[in-house]
Structures are given as structure tokens and as C-alpha cells.
Amino acid sequence: MSPALLLRLEGGALFFCSLFFYHSLRGSWILFVALFLWPDILMLGYLLSPKLGSRLYNLVHSEILPVILATSSFALHQSSLLAFMLIWLGHIGIDRVLGFGLKYASSFKDTHLQRV
């Protein structure tokens, strides 16, 4: 199995797990849809420079910050933070399924999965 296929399968698992757990939280599906694309707003950094754009994009398209948010949500007993984290991870997962990986500073089209 190729690494690119494996990363896409992991993305699919992440997406479906986020949907399952969001449903288990009884989160609002209207909110899920409304917030699903929020990480893509940081692509606007590419208007200033590819380096800034790739850094901002990668910041919100890696699992690091959502995991920190999940830890905080458990520590603070805030299920709304957990719901937001699941929406965020769902977005990251579907991006991986579609082949949108983390970006290199050279170009928006250069990702760790493929050239898009």
C-alpha cells in the first residue's frame, strides 16, 4: 500500500470518527456545516506570501491544535470546545481524503501528499 493511499485512508478514518463522536455529543449539524470550512479562511495568507500562507494553512491543517483543544475541553468540562474540535478534525480528515496535504512554502499546489 502506498504512503499516499495510507494517508488518505487515515484521513477518511479521522473524518468518520469525527462524525461519529460529534453525533454522540448531540452537536448541532447546522453548526457543523457552518464551521466545517473555517480552517480554509487562513489560505488568505497566500495573498501576502506563499511562505506565510503555507505556515498559516499548516497551522490549522495539522492535528496538533485540535488535540490541544480537546485536552482543554476535557480539563474545563466544556463540551462546546470538544464539538468545535471534532468539526475541525473532520475538516482535516476530508482534506486528506481529497489529497490536500500540508503545504510547502514553494507553492500552494505543493503538498506532502501530491502536487494538486
C-alpha atoms as a PDB file:
ATOM      1  CA  MET A   1       0.000   0.000   0.000  1.00  0.00           C
ATOM      2  CA  SER A   2       1.449   3.375  -0.994  1.00  0.00           C
ATOM      3  CA  PRO A   3       2.055   6.039   1.669  1.00  0.00           C
ATOM      4  CA  ALA A   4      -0.281   8.459  -0.144  1.00  0.00           C
ATOM      5  CA  LEU A   5      -3.113   5.909  -0.080  1.00  0.00           C
ATOM      6  CA  LEU A   6      -2.444   5.137   3.567  1.00  0.00           C
ATOM      7  CA  LEU A   7      -2.599   8.859   4.447  1.00  0.00           C
ATOM      8  CA  ARG A   8      -5.884   9.185   2.558  1.00  0.00           C
ATOM      9  CA  LEU A   9      -7.329   6.184   4.407  1.00  0.00           C
ATOM     10  CA  GLU A  10      -6.222   7.702   7.714  1.00  0.00           C
ATOM     11  CA  GLY A  11      -7.944  10.930   6.685  1.00  0.00           C
ATOM     12  CA  GLY A  12     -11.134   9.004   5.965  1.00  0.00           C
ATOM     13  CA  ALA A  13     -10.956   7.317   9.352  1.00  0.00           C
ATOM     14  CA  LEU A  14     -10.427  10.692  11.016  1.00  0.00           C
ATOM     15  CA  PHE A  15     -13.407  12.173   9.165  1.00  0.00           C
ATOM     16  CA  PHE A  16     -15.794   9.335  10.004  1.00  0.00           C
ATOM     17  CA  CYS A  17     -14.651   9.178  13.637  1.00  0.00           C
ATOM     18  CA  SER A  18     -15.238  12.914  13.974  1.00  0.00           C
ATOM     19  CA  LEU A  19     -18.754  12.488  12.571  1.00  0.00           C
ATOM     20  CA  PHE A  20     -19.467   9.579  14.915  1.00  0.00           C
ATOM     21  CA  PHE A  21     -18.268  11.397  18.023  1.00  0.00           C
ATOM     22  CA  TYR A  22     -19.965  14.651  17.005  1.00  0.00           C
ATOM     23  CA  HIS A  23     -23.224  12.714  16.668  1.00  0.00           C
ATOM     24  CA  SER A  24     -22.576  11.135  20.085  1.00  0.00           C
ATOM     25  CA  LEU A  25     -22.222  14.629  21.573  1.00  0.00           C
ATOM     26  CA  ARG A  26     -25.567  15.518  20.013  1.00  0.00           C
ATOM     27  CA  GLY A  27     -23.943  18.513  18.340  1.00  0.00           C
ATOM     28  CA  SER A  28     -25.860  20.805  16.024  1.00  0.00           C
ATOM     29  CA  TRP A  29     -25.458  19.691  12.414  1.00  0.00           C
ATOM     30  CA  ILE A  30     -26.220  23.213  11.254  1.00  0.00           C
ATOM     31  CA  LEU A  31     -23.229  24.376  13.312  1.00  0.00           C
ATOM     32  CA  PHE A  32     -21.140  21.532  11.889  1.00  0.00           C
ATOM     33  CA  VAL A  33     -21.861  22.627   8.322  1.00  0.00           C
ATOM     34  CA  ALA A  34     -21.436  26.319   9.160  1.00  0.00           C
ATOM     35  CA  LEU A  35     -17.989  25.817  10.726  1.00  0.00           C
ATOM     36  CA  PHE A  36     -16.698  22.970   8.563  1.00  0.00           C
ATOM     37  CA  LEU A  37     -14.678  25.174   6.196  1.00  0.00           C
ATOM     38  CA  TRP A  38     -13.362  27.700   8.741  1.00  0.00           C
ATOM     39  CA  PRO A  39      -9.723  26.440   8.554  1.00  0.00           C
ATOM     40  CA  ASP A  40      -9.617  27.354   4.864  1.00  0.00           C
ATOM     41  CA  ILE A  41     -10.005  31.043   5.739  1.00  0.00           C
ATOM     42  CA  LEU A  42      -6.310  31.061   6.616  1.00  0.00           C
ATOM     43  CA  MET A  43      -5.483  30.377   2.972  1.00  0.00           C
ATOM     44  CA  LEU A  44      -5.840  34.143   2.666  1.00  0.00           C
ATOM     45  CA  GLY A  45      -2.273  34.295   3.951  1.00  0.00           C
ATOM     46  CA  TYR A  46      -1.218  33.309   0.433  1.00  0.00           C
ATOM     47  CA  LEU A  47      -2.318  36.760  -0.707  1.00  0.00           C
ATOM     48  CA  LEU A  48       0.626  38.176   1.255  1.00  0.00           C
ATOM     49  CA  SER A  49       3.209  35.479   0.511  1.00  0.00           C
ATOM     50  CA  PRO A  50       3.476  31.737  -0.158  1.00  0.00           C
ATOM     51  CA  LYS A  51       5.640  31.354   2.956  1.00  0.00           C
ATOM     52  CA  LEU A  52       3.072  32.996   5.260  1.00  0.00           C
ATOM     53  CA  GLY A  53       0.197  31.218   3.511  1.00  0.00           C
ATOM     54  CA  SER A  54       1.784  27.793   3.924  1.00  0.00           C
ATOM     55  CA  ARG A  55       2.587  28.417   7.594  1.00  0.00           C
ATOM     56  CA  LEU A  56      -0.942  29.555   8.433  1.00  0.00           C
ATOM     57  CA  TYR A  57      -2.521  26.771   6.378  1.00  0.00           C
ATOM     58  CA  ASN A  58      -0.352  24.104   8.014  1.00  0.00           C
ATOM     59  CA  LEU A  59      -1.014  25.504  11.478  1.00  0.00           C
ATOM     60  CA  VAL A  60      -4.747  24.820  11.189  1.00  0.00           C
ATOM     61  CA  HIS A  61      -4.499  21.722   8.996  1.00  0.00           C
ATOM     62  CA  SER A  62      -2.426  19.601  11.347  1.00  0.00           C
ATOM     63  CA  GLU A  63      -3.907  17.677  14.268  1.00  0.00           C
ATOM     64  CA  ILE A  64      -1.768  19.418  16.920  1.00  0.00           C
ATOM     65  CA  LEU A  65      -4.061  22.336  17.808  1.00  0.00           C
ATOM     66  CA  PRO A  66      -7.301  20.298  17.765  1.00  0.00           C
ATOM     67  CA  VAL A  67      -5.727  17.792  20.168  1.00  0.00           C
ATOM     68  CA  ILE A  68      -4.685  20.639  22.486  1.00  0.00           C
ATOM     69  CA  LEU A  69      -8.248  21.956  22.250  1.00  0.00           C
ATOM     70  CA  ALA A  70      -9.634  18.503  23.089  1.00  0.00           C
ATOM     71  CA  THR A  71      -7.402  18.277  26.145  1.00  0.00           C
ATOM     72  CA  SER A  72      -8.544  21.726  27.234  1.00  0.00           C
ATOM     73  CA  SER A  73     -12.191  20.830  26.701  1.00  0.00           C
ATOM     74  CA  PHE A  74     -11.869  17.815  28.996  1.00  0.00           C
ATOM     75  CA  ALA A  75      -9.950  19.789  31.613  1.00  0.00           C
ATOM     76  CA  LEU A  76     -12.509  22.616  31.558  1.00  0.00           C
ATOM     77  CA  HIS A  77     -15.570  20.340  31.135  1.00  0.00           C
ATOM     78  CA  GLN A  78     -16.626  22.313  28.046  1.00  0.00           C
ATOM     79  CA  SER A  79     -18.365  20.082  25.514  1.00  0.00           C
ATOM     80  CA  SER A  80     -18.720  23.024  23.116  1.00  0.00           C
ATOM     81  CA  LEU A  81     -14.922  23.086  22.737  1.00  0.00           C
ATOM     82  CA  LEU A  82     -14.975  19.356  22.081  1.00  0.00           C
ATOM     83  CA  ALA A  83     -17.656  19.813  19.415  1.00  0.00           C
ATOM     84  CA  PHE A  84     -15.562  22.516  17.720  1.00  0.00           C
ATOM     85  CA  MET A  85     -12.515  20.243  17.822  1.00  0.00           C
ATOM     86  CA  LEU A  86     -14.479  17.433  16.144  1.00  0.00           C
ATOM     87  CA  ILE A  87     -15.617  19.773  13.360  1.00  0.00           C
ATOM     88  CA  TRP A  88     -12.008  20.873  12.925  1.00  0.00           C
ATOM     89  CA  LEU A  89     -10.696  17.295  12.787  1.00  0.00           C
ATOM     90  CA  GLY A  90     -13.468  16.377  10.350  1.00  0.00           C
ATOM     91  CA  HIS A  91     -12.253  19.132   8.037  1.00  0.00           C
ATOM     92  CA  ILE A  92      -8.654  17.939   8.280  1.00  0.00           C
ATOM     93  CA  GLY A  93      -9.751  14.369   7.599  1.00  0.00           C
ATOM     94  CA  ILE A  94     -11.747  15.172   4.474  1.00  0.00           C
ATOM     95  CA  ASP A  95      -8.891  17.333   3.178  1.00  0.00           C
ATOM     96  CA  ARG A  96      -6.573  14.327   3.468  1.00  0.00           C
ATOM     97  CA  VAL A  97      -9.072  12.088   1.675  1.00  0.00           C
ATOM     98  CA  LEU A  98      -9.199  14.590  -1.192  1.00  0.00           C
ATOM     99  CA  GLY A  99      -5.397  14.759  -1.351  1.00  0.00           C
ATOM    100  CA  PHE A 100      -4.985  18.209   0.150  1.00  0.00           C
ATOM    101  CA  GLY A 101      -1.950  17.756   2.323  1.00  0.00           C
ATOM    102  CA  LEU A 102       0.194  20.123   4.303  1.00  0.00           C
ATOM    103  CA  LYS A 103       1.706  22.820   2.128  1.00  0.00           C
ATOM    104  CA  TYR A 104       5.293  23.588   1.213  1.00  0.00           C
ATOM    105  CA  ALA A 105       6.329  27.242   1.024  1.00  0.00           C
ATOM    106  CA  SER A 106       7.230  26.898  -2.659  1.00  0.00           C
ATOM    107  CA  SER A 107       3.620  26.892  -3.892  1.00  0.00           C
ATOM    108  CA  PHE A 108       0.055  26.298  -2.737  1.00  0.00           C
ATOM    109  CA  LYS A 109      -0.040  23.298  -5.061  1.00  0.00           C
ATOM    110  CA  ASP A 110       2.954  21.568  -3.431  1.00  0.00           C
ATOM    111  CA  THR A 111       1.736  19.323  -0.607  1.00  0.00           C
ATOM    112  CA  HIS A 112       3.118  16.416   1.379  1.00  0.00           C
ATOM    113  CA  LEU A 113       0.651  14.112  -0.401  1.00  0.00           C
ATOM    114  CA  GLN A 114       0.930  15.244  -4.005  1.00  0.00           C
ATOM    115  CA  ARG A 115       1.045  18.241  -6.300  1.00  0.00           C
ATOM    116  CA  VAL A 116      -2.552  19.476  -6.662  1.00  0.00           C
END
